[in-house]
Amino acid sequence: MDIHLSNLKTIAGKGVTLIENPKSVKKRDKKFFVTMVELLSQLDDRTSELLSIGIDPIKYEDPFFQIIESLIVKHYGSLKGGIILWWCGERKALDSKFYNLIDESGKGTIVSNVNQLYNFLNKMK
């Protein structure tokens, strides 16, 4: 069973103030991000597989992806959201498994997995 602050507040009772450790918040945010990007990437892979055998699910899936994309952009902002969506959709279309992403200062960063993508986005303003 996962222990959440809401569960602890119920157990501790009225008048108790709980503050979550910032490390815990960052860890939970990273876990959410990694899971989300991996699932979106898997969905994209599944769509590609279906297209390769002659089944076109895009007309069915497109409205769902539009909702997901809108939520990502709303949460992360247009720049970070765009990078996330690019990573999920285009990562296999390129010949390389390593992508040199350039931050606002012009510094390039090699991003070859979801954890590196998360770290790159967290360094952005």
C-alpha atoms as a PDB file:
ATOM      1  CA  MET A   1       0.000   0.000   0.000  1.00  0.00           C
ATOM      2  CA  ASP A   2       1.333   3.432  -0.948  1.00  0.00           C
ATOM      3  CA  ILE A   3       1.432   5.953   1.850  1.00  0.00           C
ATOM      4  CA  HIS A   4       0.227   9.388   0.764  1.00  0.00           C
ATOM      5  CA  LEU A   5      -0.029  12.625   2.704  1.00  0.00           C
ATOM      6  CA  SER A   6      -3.820  12.493   2.531  1.00  0.00           C
ATOM      7  CA  ASN A   7      -3.764   9.051   4.181  1.00  0.00           C
ATOM      8  CA  LEU A   8      -1.387  10.280   6.885  1.00  0.00           C
ATOM      9  CA  LYS A   9      -3.565  13.329   7.597  1.00  0.00           C
ATOM     10  CA  THR A  10      -6.552  11.043   8.078  1.00  0.00           C
ATOM     11  CA  ILE A  11      -4.608   8.833  10.475  1.00  0.00           C
ATOM     12  CA  ALA A  12      -2.947  11.706  12.374  1.00  0.00           C
ATOM     13  CA  GLY A  13      -6.171  13.592  12.887  1.00  0.00           C
ATOM     14  CA  LYS A  14      -7.377  17.165  12.788  1.00  0.00           C
ATOM     15  CA  GLY A  15      -4.917  19.954  13.495  1.00  0.00           C
ATOM     16  CA  VAL A  16      -1.809  18.086  12.339  1.00  0.00           C
ATOM     17  CA  THR A  17       0.283  19.780   9.666  1.00  0.00           C
ATOM     18  CA  LEU A  18       2.303  17.590   7.344  1.00  0.00           C
ATOM     19  CA  ILE A  19       4.922  18.890   4.949  1.00  0.00           C
ATOM     20  CA  GLU A  20       6.298  16.644   2.256  1.00  0.00           C
ATOM     21  CA  ASN A  21      10.060  16.485   1.854  1.00  0.00           C
ATOM     22  CA  PRO A  22      11.140  18.326  -1.347  1.00  0.00           C
ATOM     23  CA  LYS A  23      13.233  15.282  -2.351  1.00  0.00           C
ATOM     24  CA  SER A  24      10.093  13.157  -2.161  1.00  0.00           C
ATOM     25  CA  VAL A  25       8.211  15.611  -4.381  1.00  0.00           C
ATOM     26  CA  LYS A  26      11.029  15.589  -6.973  1.00  0.00           C
ATOM     27  CA  LYS A  27      11.235  11.796  -6.885  1.00  0.00           C
ATOM     28  CA  ARG A  28       7.471  11.469  -7.425  1.00  0.00           C
ATOM     29  CA  ASP A  29       7.528  14.037 -10.247  1.00  0.00           C
ATOM     30  CA  LYS A  30      10.381  12.205 -11.976  1.00  0.00           C
ATOM     31  CA  LYS A  31       8.615   8.851 -11.626  1.00  0.00           C
ATOM     32  CA  PHE A  32       5.449  10.356 -13.138  1.00  0.00           C
ATOM     33  CA  PHE A  33       7.398  11.934 -16.004  1.00  0.00           C
ATOM     34  CA  VAL A  34       9.344   8.773 -16.855  1.00  0.00           C
ATOM     35  CA  THR A  35       6.216   6.617 -16.743  1.00  0.00           C
ATOM     36  CA  MET A  36       4.277   9.099 -18.906  1.00  0.00           C
ATOM     37  CA  VAL A  37       6.978   9.387 -21.569  1.00  0.00           C
ATOM     38  CA  GLU A  38       7.556   5.630 -21.677  1.00  0.00           C
ATOM     39  CA  LEU A  39       3.814   4.962 -22.080  1.00  0.00           C
ATOM     40  CA  LEU A  40       3.459   7.568 -24.816  1.00  0.00           C
ATOM     41  CA  SER A  41       6.468   6.081 -26.588  1.00  0.00           C
ATOM     42  CA  GLN A  42       4.956   2.593 -26.325  1.00  0.00           C
ATOM     43  CA  LEU A  43       1.673   3.873 -27.754  1.00  0.00           C
ATOM     44  CA  ASP A  44       3.553   5.414 -30.652  1.00  0.00           C
ATOM     45  CA  ASP A  45       5.405   2.133 -31.223  1.00  0.00           C
ATOM     46  CA  ARG A  46       2.118   0.224 -31.218  1.00  0.00           C
ATOM     47  CA  THR A  47       0.636   2.612 -33.764  1.00  0.00           C
ATOM     48  CA  SER A  48       3.680   2.132 -36.003  1.00  0.00           C
ATOM     49  CA  GLU A  49       3.363  -1.637 -35.749  1.00  0.00           C
ATOM     50  CA  LEU A  50      -0.317  -1.534 -36.686  1.00  0.00           C
ATOM     51  CA  LEU A  51       0.415   0.750 -39.635  1.00  0.00           C
ATOM     52  CA  SER A  52       3.116  -1.660 -40.835  1.00  0.00           C
ATOM     53  CA  ILE A  53       0.578  -4.498 -41.118  1.00  0.00           C
ATOM     54  CA  GLY A  54      -2.034  -2.344 -42.837  1.00  0.00           C
ATOM     55  CA  ILE A  55      -4.192  -1.258 -39.895  1.00  0.00           C
ATOM     56  CA  ASP A  56      -4.619   2.495 -39.541  1.00  0.00           C
ATOM     57  CA  PRO A  57      -5.657   3.405 -35.970  1.00  0.00           C
ATOM     58  CA  ILE A  58      -4.791   7.088 -36.360  1.00  0.00           C
ATOM     59  CA  LYS A  59      -8.343   8.287 -37.052  1.00  0.00           C
ATOM     60  CA  TYR A  60      -9.465   6.560 -33.848  1.00  0.00           C
ATOM     61  CA  GLU A  61      -6.435   7.509 -31.712  1.00  0.00           C
ATOM     62  CA  ASP A  62      -5.958  11.090 -32.888  1.00  0.00           C
ATOM     63  CA  PRO A  63      -8.544  12.776 -30.607  1.00  0.00           C
ATOM     64  CA  PHE A  64      -7.052  11.028 -27.573  1.00  0.00           C
ATOM     65  CA  PHE A  65      -3.542  12.101 -28.519  1.00  0.00           C
ATOM     66  CA  GLN A  66      -4.751  15.687 -29.032  1.00  0.00           C
ATOM     67  CA  ILE A  67      -6.085  15.695 -25.473  1.00  0.00           C
ATOM     68  CA  ILE A  68      -2.858  14.194 -24.109  1.00  0.00           C
ATOM     69  CA  GLU A  69      -0.721  16.660 -26.069  1.00  0.00           C
ATOM     70  CA  SER A  70      -2.793  19.597 -24.830  1.00  0.00           C
ATOM     71  CA  LEU A  71      -2.426  18.470 -21.222  1.00  0.00           C
ATOM     72  CA  ILE A  72       1.335  18.033 -21.596  1.00  0.00           C
ATOM     73  CA  VAL A  73       1.724  21.517 -23.094  1.00  0.00           C
ATOM     74  CA  LYS A  74      -0.522  23.015 -20.405  1.00  0.00           C
ATOM     75  CA  HIS A  75       1.490  21.363 -17.614  1.00  0.00           C
ATOM     76  CA  TYR A  76       5.046  21.728 -18.954  1.00  0.00           C
ATOM     77  CA  GLY A  77       4.660  24.787 -21.199  1.00  0.00           C
ATOM     78  CA  SER A  78       4.889  24.978 -24.969  1.00  0.00           C
ATOM     79  CA  LEU A  79       8.675  24.632 -25.266  1.00  0.00           C
ATOM     80  CA  LYS A  80       9.153  21.735 -22.842  1.00  0.00           C
ATOM     81  CA  GLY A  81       5.896  20.137 -23.986  1.00  0.00           C
ATOM     82  CA  GLY A  82       7.053  20.318 -27.587  1.00  0.00           C
ATOM     83  CA  ILE A  83      10.349  18.656 -26.698  1.00  0.00           C
ATOM     84  CA  ILE A  84       8.537  15.882 -24.803  1.00  0.00           C
ATOM     85  CA  LEU A  85       6.153  15.244 -27.689  1.00  0.00           C
ATOM     86  CA  TRP A  86       9.030  15.281 -30.174  1.00  0.00           C
ATOM     87  CA  TRP A  87      10.908  12.740 -28.049  1.00  0.00           C
ATOM     88  CA  CYS A  88       7.900  10.417 -27.908  1.00  0.00           C
ATOM     89  CA  GLY A  89       7.084  10.606 -31.605  1.00  0.00           C
ATOM     90  CA  GLU A  90      10.334  11.116 -33.444  1.00  0.00           C
ATOM     91  CA  ARG A  91      12.935   9.293 -31.375  1.00  0.00           C
ATOM     92  CA  LYS A  92      12.899   6.252 -33.675  1.00  0.00           C
ATOM     93  CA  ALA A  93      12.587   8.174 -36.930  1.00  0.00           C
ATOM     94  CA  LEU A  94      16.125   9.469 -36.700  1.00  0.00           C
ATOM     95  CA  ASP A  95      19.146   7.314 -37.491  1.00  0.00           C
ATOM     96  CA  SER A  96      20.916   8.140 -34.250  1.00  0.00           C
ATOM     97  CA  LYS A  97      20.030   6.972 -30.753  1.00  0.00           C
ATOM     98  CA  PHE A  98      21.662  10.078 -29.319  1.00  0.00           C
ATOM     99  CA  TYR A  99      20.110  13.512 -29.702  1.00  0.00           C
ATOM    100  CA  ASN A 100      22.034  16.698 -29.105  1.00  0.00           C
ATOM    101  CA  LEU A 101      19.491  19.051 -27.558  1.00  0.00           C
ATOM    102  CA  ILE A 102      20.492  22.690 -27.239  1.00  0.00           C
ATOM    103  CA  ASP A 103      19.422  24.668 -24.165  1.00  0.00           C
ATOM    104  CA  GLU A 104      18.723  28.420 -23.965  1.00  0.00           C
ATOM    105  CA  SER A 105      22.399  29.223 -23.395  1.00  0.00           C
ATOM    106  CA  GLY A 106      23.425  27.366 -26.559  1.00  0.00           C
ATOM    107  CA  LYS A 107      24.972  24.448 -24.686  1.00  0.00           C
ATOM    108  CA  GLY A 108      24.386  21.056 -26.276  1.00  0.00           C
ATOM    109  CA  THR A 109      23.390  18.049 -24.202  1.00  0.00           C
ATOM    110  CA  ILE A 110      23.349  14.448 -25.393  1.00  0.00           C
ATOM    111  CA  VAL A 111      19.982  12.890 -24.587  1.00  0.00           C
ATOM    112  CA  SER A 112      19.679   9.170 -25.239  1.00  0.00           C
ATOM    113  CA  ASN A 113      17.052   8.058 -22.709  1.00  0.00           C
ATOM    114  CA  VAL A 114      14.060   9.307 -20.739  1.00  0.00           C
ATOM    115  CA  ASN A 115      16.067  10.046 -17.581  1.00  0.00           C
ATOM    116  CA  GLN A 116      18.431  12.281 -19.545  1.00  0.00           C
ATOM    117  CA  LEU A 117      15.435  13.987 -21.153  1.00  0.00           C
ATOM    118  CA  TYR A 118      13.977  14.634 -17.688  1.00  0.00           C
ATOM    119  CA  ASN A 119      17.276  16.081 -16.451  1.00  0.00           C
ATOM    120  CA  PHE A 120      17.625  18.267 -19.572  1.00  0.00           C
ATOM    121  CA  LEU A 121      14.110  19.674 -19.156  1.00  0.00           C
ATOM    122  CA  ASN A 122      14.650  20.347 -15.448  1.00  0.00           C
ATOM    123  CA  LYS A 123      17.696  22.485 -16.254  1.00  0.00           C
ATOM    124  CA  MET A 124      15.606  24.669 -18.558  1.00  0.00           C
ATOM    125  CA  LYS A 125      13.998  27.799 -17.150  1.00  0.00           C
END
